[in-house]
Amino acid sequence: MITTSRKYKHLRRDNGSNSEIKKCETILKLLTIGVLVGTAIFLAVRFSLA
């Protein structure tokens, strides 16, 4: 995630190719959604067993 974020930041700053920027945005969005879903599942399991 950190490497993708850095790459994205450099592409945006240096006017990189739109396709590479979109690719990085998609990866970062999917990672964010994955973290949110994983956290929600963790909390649901944690509090349903408590």
PDB file of N, CA and C in Angstrom:
ATOM      1  N   MET A   1       0.820  -1.183   0.000  1.00  0.00           N
ATOM      2  CA  MET A   1       0.000   0.000   0.000  1.00  0.00           C
ATOM      3  C   MET A   1       0.874   1.261   0.000  1.00  0.00           C
ATOM      4  N   ILE A   2       1.922   1.227   0.781  1.00  0.00           N
ATOM      5  CA  ILE A   2       2.792   2.398   0.866  1.00  0.00           C
ATOM      6  C   ILE A   2       3.493   2.644  -0.464  1.00  0.00           C
ATOM      7  N   THR A   3       3.966   1.576  -1.101  1.00  0.00           N
ATOM      8  CA  THR A   3       4.662   1.764  -2.378  1.00  0.00           C
ATOM      9  C   THR A   3       3.704   2.278  -3.448  1.00  0.00           C
ATOM     10  N   THR A   4       2.477   1.773  -3.449  1.00  0.00           N
ATOM     11  CA  THR A   4       1.486   2.247  -4.419  1.00  0.00           C
ATOM     12  C   THR A   4       1.144   3.703  -4.158  1.00  0.00           C
ATOM     13  N   SER A   5       1.017   4.060  -2.895  1.00  0.00           N
ATOM     14  CA  SER A   5       0.704   5.439  -2.532  1.00  0.00           C
ATOM     15  C   SER A   5       1.824   6.386  -2.959  1.00  0.00           C
ATOM     16  N   ARG A   6       3.050   5.979  -2.745  1.00  0.00           N
ATOM     17  CA  ARG A   6       4.197   6.815  -3.157  1.00  0.00           C
ATOM     18  C   ARG A   6       4.250   6.965  -4.672  1.00  0.00           C
ATOM     19  N   LYS A   7       4.035   5.844  -5.365  1.00  0.00           N
ATOM     20  CA  LYS A   7       4.047   5.876  -6.826  1.00  0.00           C
ATOM     21  C   LYS A   7       2.946   6.804  -7.336  1.00  0.00           C
ATOM     22  N   TYR A   8       1.768   6.698  -6.739  1.00  0.00           N
ATOM     23  CA  TYR A   8       0.637   7.548  -7.115  1.00  0.00           C
ATOM     24  C   TYR A   8       0.969   9.023  -6.895  1.00  0.00           C
ATOM     25  N   LYS A   9       1.568   9.322  -5.757  1.00  0.00           N
ATOM     26  CA  LYS A   9       1.918  10.706  -5.431  1.00  0.00           C
ATOM     27  C   LYS A   9       2.914  11.267  -6.454  1.00  0.00           C
ATOM     28  N   HIS A  10       3.906  10.457  -6.825  1.00  0.00           N
ATOM     29  CA  HIS A  10       4.898  10.899  -7.811  1.00  0.00           C
ATOM     30  C   HIS A  10       4.256  11.101  -9.179  1.00  0.00           C
ATOM     31  N   LEU A  11       3.373  10.186  -9.569  1.00  0.00           N
ATOM     32  CA  LEU A  11       2.708  10.317 -10.862  1.00  0.00           C
ATOM     33  C   LEU A  11       1.862  11.586 -10.917  1.00  0.00           C
ATOM     34  N   ARG A  12       1.130  11.865  -9.844  1.00  0.00           N
ATOM     35  CA  ARG A  12       0.288  13.066  -9.807  1.00  0.00           C
ATOM     36  C   ARG A  12       1.142  14.338  -9.849  1.00  0.00           C
ATOM     37  N   ARG A  13       2.230  14.322  -9.105  1.00  0.00           N
ATOM     38  CA  ARG A  13       3.088  15.503  -9.029  1.00  0.00           C
ATOM     39  C   ARG A  13       3.805  15.755 -10.358  1.00  0.00           C
ATOM     40  N   ASP A  14       4.255  14.682 -11.004  1.00  0.00           N
ATOM     41  CA  ASP A  14       5.062  14.814 -12.217  1.00  0.00           C
ATOM     42  C   ASP A  14       4.247  14.684 -13.501  1.00  0.00           C
ATOM     43  N   ASN A  15       2.920  14.792 -13.396  1.00  0.00           N
ATOM     44  CA  ASN A  15       2.041  14.663 -14.566  1.00  0.00           C
ATOM     45  C   ASN A  15       2.281  13.351 -15.312  1.00  0.00           C
ATOM     46  N   GLY A  16       2.182  12.243 -14.587  1.00  0.00           N
ATOM     47  CA  GLY A  16       2.367  10.924 -15.186  1.00  0.00           C
ATOM     48  C   GLY A  16       1.210  10.558 -16.097  1.00  0.00           C
ATOM     49  N   SER A  17       1.312   9.391 -16.693  1.00  0.00           N
ATOM     50  CA  SER A  17       0.280   8.956 -17.632  1.00  0.00           C
ATOM     51  C   SER A  17      -1.034   8.690 -16.895  1.00  0.00           C
ATOM     52  N   ASN A  18      -2.123   9.035 -17.562  1.00  0.00           N
ATOM     53  CA  ASN A  18      -3.443   8.873 -16.953  1.00  0.00           C
ATOM     54  C   ASN A  18      -3.757   7.417 -16.639  1.00  0.00           C
ATOM     55  N   SER A  19      -3.308   6.508 -17.495  1.00  0.00           N
ATOM     56  CA  SER A  19      -3.605   5.094 -17.259  1.00  0.00           C
ATOM     57  C   SER A  19      -2.908   4.587 -15.997  1.00  0.00           C
ATOM     58  N   GLU A  20      -1.682   5.009 -15.776  1.00  0.00           N
ATOM     59  CA  GLU A  20      -0.960   4.615 -14.561  1.00  0.00           C
ATOM     60  C   GLU A  20      -1.603   5.226 -13.318  1.00  0.00           C
ATOM     61  N   ILE A  21      -2.035   6.475 -13.428  1.00  0.00           N
ATOM     62  CA  ILE A  21      -2.694   7.139 -12.299  1.00  0.00           C
ATOM     63  C   ILE A  21      -3.988   6.409 -11.953  1.00  0.00           C
ATOM     64  N   LYS A  22      -4.790   6.084 -12.966  1.00  0.00           N
ATOM     65  CA  LYS A  22      -6.052   5.369 -12.737  1.00  0.00           C
ATOM     66  C   LYS A  22      -5.804   3.997 -12.126  1.00  0.00           C
ATOM     67  N   LYS A  23      -4.744   3.324 -12.580  1.00  0.00           N
ATOM     68  CA  LYS A  23      -4.402   2.009 -12.046  1.00  0.00           C
ATOM     69  C   LYS A  23      -4.074   2.111 -10.556  1.00  0.00           C
ATOM     70  N   CYS A  24      -3.273   3.098 -10.192  1.00  0.00           N
ATOM     71  CA  CYS A  24      -2.918   3.299  -8.784  1.00  0.00           C
ATOM     72  C   CYS A  24      -4.141   3.665  -7.958  1.00  0.00           C
ATOM     73  N   GLU A  25      -5.017   4.513  -8.512  1.00  0.00           N
ATOM     74  CA  GLU A  25      -6.237   4.891  -7.798  1.00  0.00           C
ATOM     75  C   GLU A  25      -7.103   3.667  -7.533  1.00  0.00           C
ATOM     76  N   THR A  26      -7.228   2.799  -8.519  1.00  0.00           N
ATOM     77  CA  THR A  26      -8.035   1.590  -8.361  1.00  0.00           C
ATOM     78  C   THR A  26      -7.452   0.687  -7.285  1.00  0.00           C
ATOM     79  N   ILE A  27      -6.140   0.495  -7.311  1.00  0.00           N
ATOM     80  CA  ILE A  27      -5.484  -0.345  -6.304  1.00  0.00           C
ATOM     81  C   ILE A  27      -5.704   0.231  -4.908  1.00  0.00           C
ATOM     82  N   LEU A  28      -5.521   1.539  -4.760  1.00  0.00           N
ATOM     83  CA  LEU A  28      -5.690   2.173  -3.451  1.00  0.00           C
ATOM     84  C   LEU A  28      -7.137   2.098  -2.974  1.00  0.00           C
ATOM     85  N   LYS A  29      -8.093   2.257  -3.880  1.00  0.00           N
ATOM     86  CA  LYS A  29      -9.505   2.148  -3.504  1.00  0.00           C
ATOM     87  C   LYS A  29      -9.838   0.727  -3.057  1.00  0.00           C
ATOM     88  N   LEU A  30      -9.345  -0.262  -3.788  1.00  0.00           N
ATOM     89  CA  LEU A  30      -9.605  -1.657  -3.419  1.00  0.00           C
ATOM     90  C   LEU A  30      -8.981  -2.000  -2.072  1.00  0.00           C
ATOM     91  N   LEU A  31      -7.785  -1.510  -1.825  1.00  0.00           N
ATOM     92  CA  LEU A  31      -7.145  -1.738  -0.529  1.00  0.00           C
ATOM     93  C   LEU A  31      -7.946  -1.101   0.600  1.00  0.00           C
ATOM     94  N   THR A  32      -8.431   0.104   0.366  1.00  0.00           N
ATOM     95  CA  THR A  32      -9.231   0.794   1.379  1.00  0.00           C
ATOM     96  C   THR A  32     -10.519   0.036   1.666  1.00  0.00           C
ATOM     97  N   ILE A  33     -11.202  -0.398   0.620  1.00  0.00           N
ATOM     98  CA  ILE A  33     -12.435  -1.171   0.796  1.00  0.00           C
ATOM     99  C   ILE A  33     -12.138  -2.470   1.534  1.00  0.00           C
ATOM    100  N   GLY A  34     -11.038  -3.115   1.186  1.00  0.00           N
ATOM    101  CA  GLY A  34     -10.652  -4.355   1.859  1.00  0.00           C
ATOM    102  C   GLY A  34     -10.404  -4.159   3.342  1.00  0.00           C
ATOM    103  N   VAL A  35      -9.742  -3.077   3.693  1.00  0.00           N
ATOM    104  CA  VAL A  35      -9.479  -2.783   5.106  1.00  0.00           C
ATOM    105  C   VAL A  35     -10.788  -2.515   5.839  1.00  0.00           C
ATOM    106  N   LEU A  36     -11.675  -1.739   5.231  1.00  0.00           N
ATOM    107  CA  LEU A  36     -12.957  -1.435   5.869  1.00  0.00           C
ATOM    108  C   LEU A  36     -13.804  -2.691   6.068  1.00  0.00           C
ATOM    109  N   VAL A  37     -13.876  -3.531   5.052  1.00  0.00           N
ATOM    110  CA  VAL A  37     -14.651  -4.767   5.156  1.00  0.00           C
ATOM    111  C   VAL A  37     -14.017  -5.703   6.179  1.00  0.00           C
ATOM    112  N   GLY A  38     -12.705  -5.825   6.147  1.00  0.00           N
ATOM    113  CA  GLY A  38     -12.010  -6.670   7.119  1.00  0.00           C
ATOM    114  C   GLY A  38     -12.238  -6.213   8.546  1.00  0.00           C
ATOM    115  N   THR A  39     -12.203  -4.913   8.761  1.00  0.00           N
ATOM    116  CA  THR A  39     -12.447  -4.364  10.095  1.00  0.00           C
ATOM    117  C   THR A  39     -13.881  -4.627  10.534  1.00  0.00           C
ATOM    118  N   ALA A  40     -14.828  -4.434   9.631  1.00  0.00           N
ATOM    119  CA  ALA A  40     -16.235  -4.677   9.959  1.00  0.00           C
ATOM    120  C   ALA A  40     -16.462  -6.142  10.322  1.00  0.00           C
ATOM    121  N   ILE A  41     -15.860  -7.055   9.567  1.00  0.00           N
ATOM    122  CA  ILE A  41     -15.997  -8.487   9.863  1.00  0.00           C
ATOM    123  C   ILE A  41     -15.354  -8.804  11.205  1.00  0.00           C
ATOM    124  N   PHE A  42     -14.179  -8.270  11.445  1.00  0.00           N
ATOM    125  CA  PHE A  42     -13.498  -8.492  12.714  1.00  0.00           C
ATOM    126  C   PHE A  42     -14.357  -8.031  13.884  1.00  0.00           C
ATOM    127  N   LEU A  43     -14.905  -6.826  13.783  1.00  0.00           N
ATOM    128  CA  LEU A  43     -15.729  -6.298  14.867  1.00  0.00           C
ATOM    129  C   LEU A  43     -17.011  -7.107  15.049  1.00  0.00           C
ATOM    130  N   ALA A  44     -17.616  -7.528  13.943  1.00  0.00           N
ATOM    131  CA  ALA A  44     -18.840  -8.329  14.030  1.00  0.00           C
ATOM    132  C   ALA A  44     -18.567  -9.657  14.723  1.00  0.00           C
ATOM    133  N   VAL A  45     -17.476 -10.307  14.361  1.00  0.00           N
ATOM    134  CA  VAL A  45     -17.125 -11.588  14.984  1.00  0.00           C
ATOM    135  C   VAL A  45     -16.738 -11.378  16.439  1.00  0.00           C
ATOM    136  N   ARG A  46     -15.982 -10.366  16.692  1.00  0.00           N
ATOM    137  CA  ARG A  46     -15.515 -10.079  18.058  1.00  0.00           C
ATOM    138  C   ARG A  46     -16.671  -9.848  19.016  1.00  0.00           C
ATOM    139  N   PHE A  47     -17.634  -9.042  18.607  1.00  0.00           N
ATOM    140  CA  PHE A  47     -18.729  -8.702  19.509  1.00  0.00           C
ATOM    141  C   PHE A  47     -19.857  -9.728  19.495  1.00  0.00           C
ATOM    142  N   SER A  48     -19.924 -10.561  18.477  1.00  0.00           N
ATOM    143  CA  SER A  48     -20.948 -11.608  18.480  1.00  0.00           C
ATOM    144  C   SER A  48     -20.521 -12.774  19.364  1.00  0.00           C
ATOM    145  N   LEU A  49     -19.214 -12.948  19.559  1.00  0.00           N
ATOM    146  CA  LEU A  49     -18.715 -14.030  20.408  1.00  0.00           C
ATOM    147  C   LEU A  49     -18.532 -13.590  21.853  1.00  0.00           C
ATOM    148  N   ALA A  50     -18.555 -12.305  22.110  1.00  0.00           N
ATOM    149  CA  ALA A  50     -18.307 -11.794  23.469  1.00  0.00           C
ATOM    150  C   ALA A  50     -19.511 -11.920  24.374  1.00  0.00           C
TER     151      ALA A  50
END
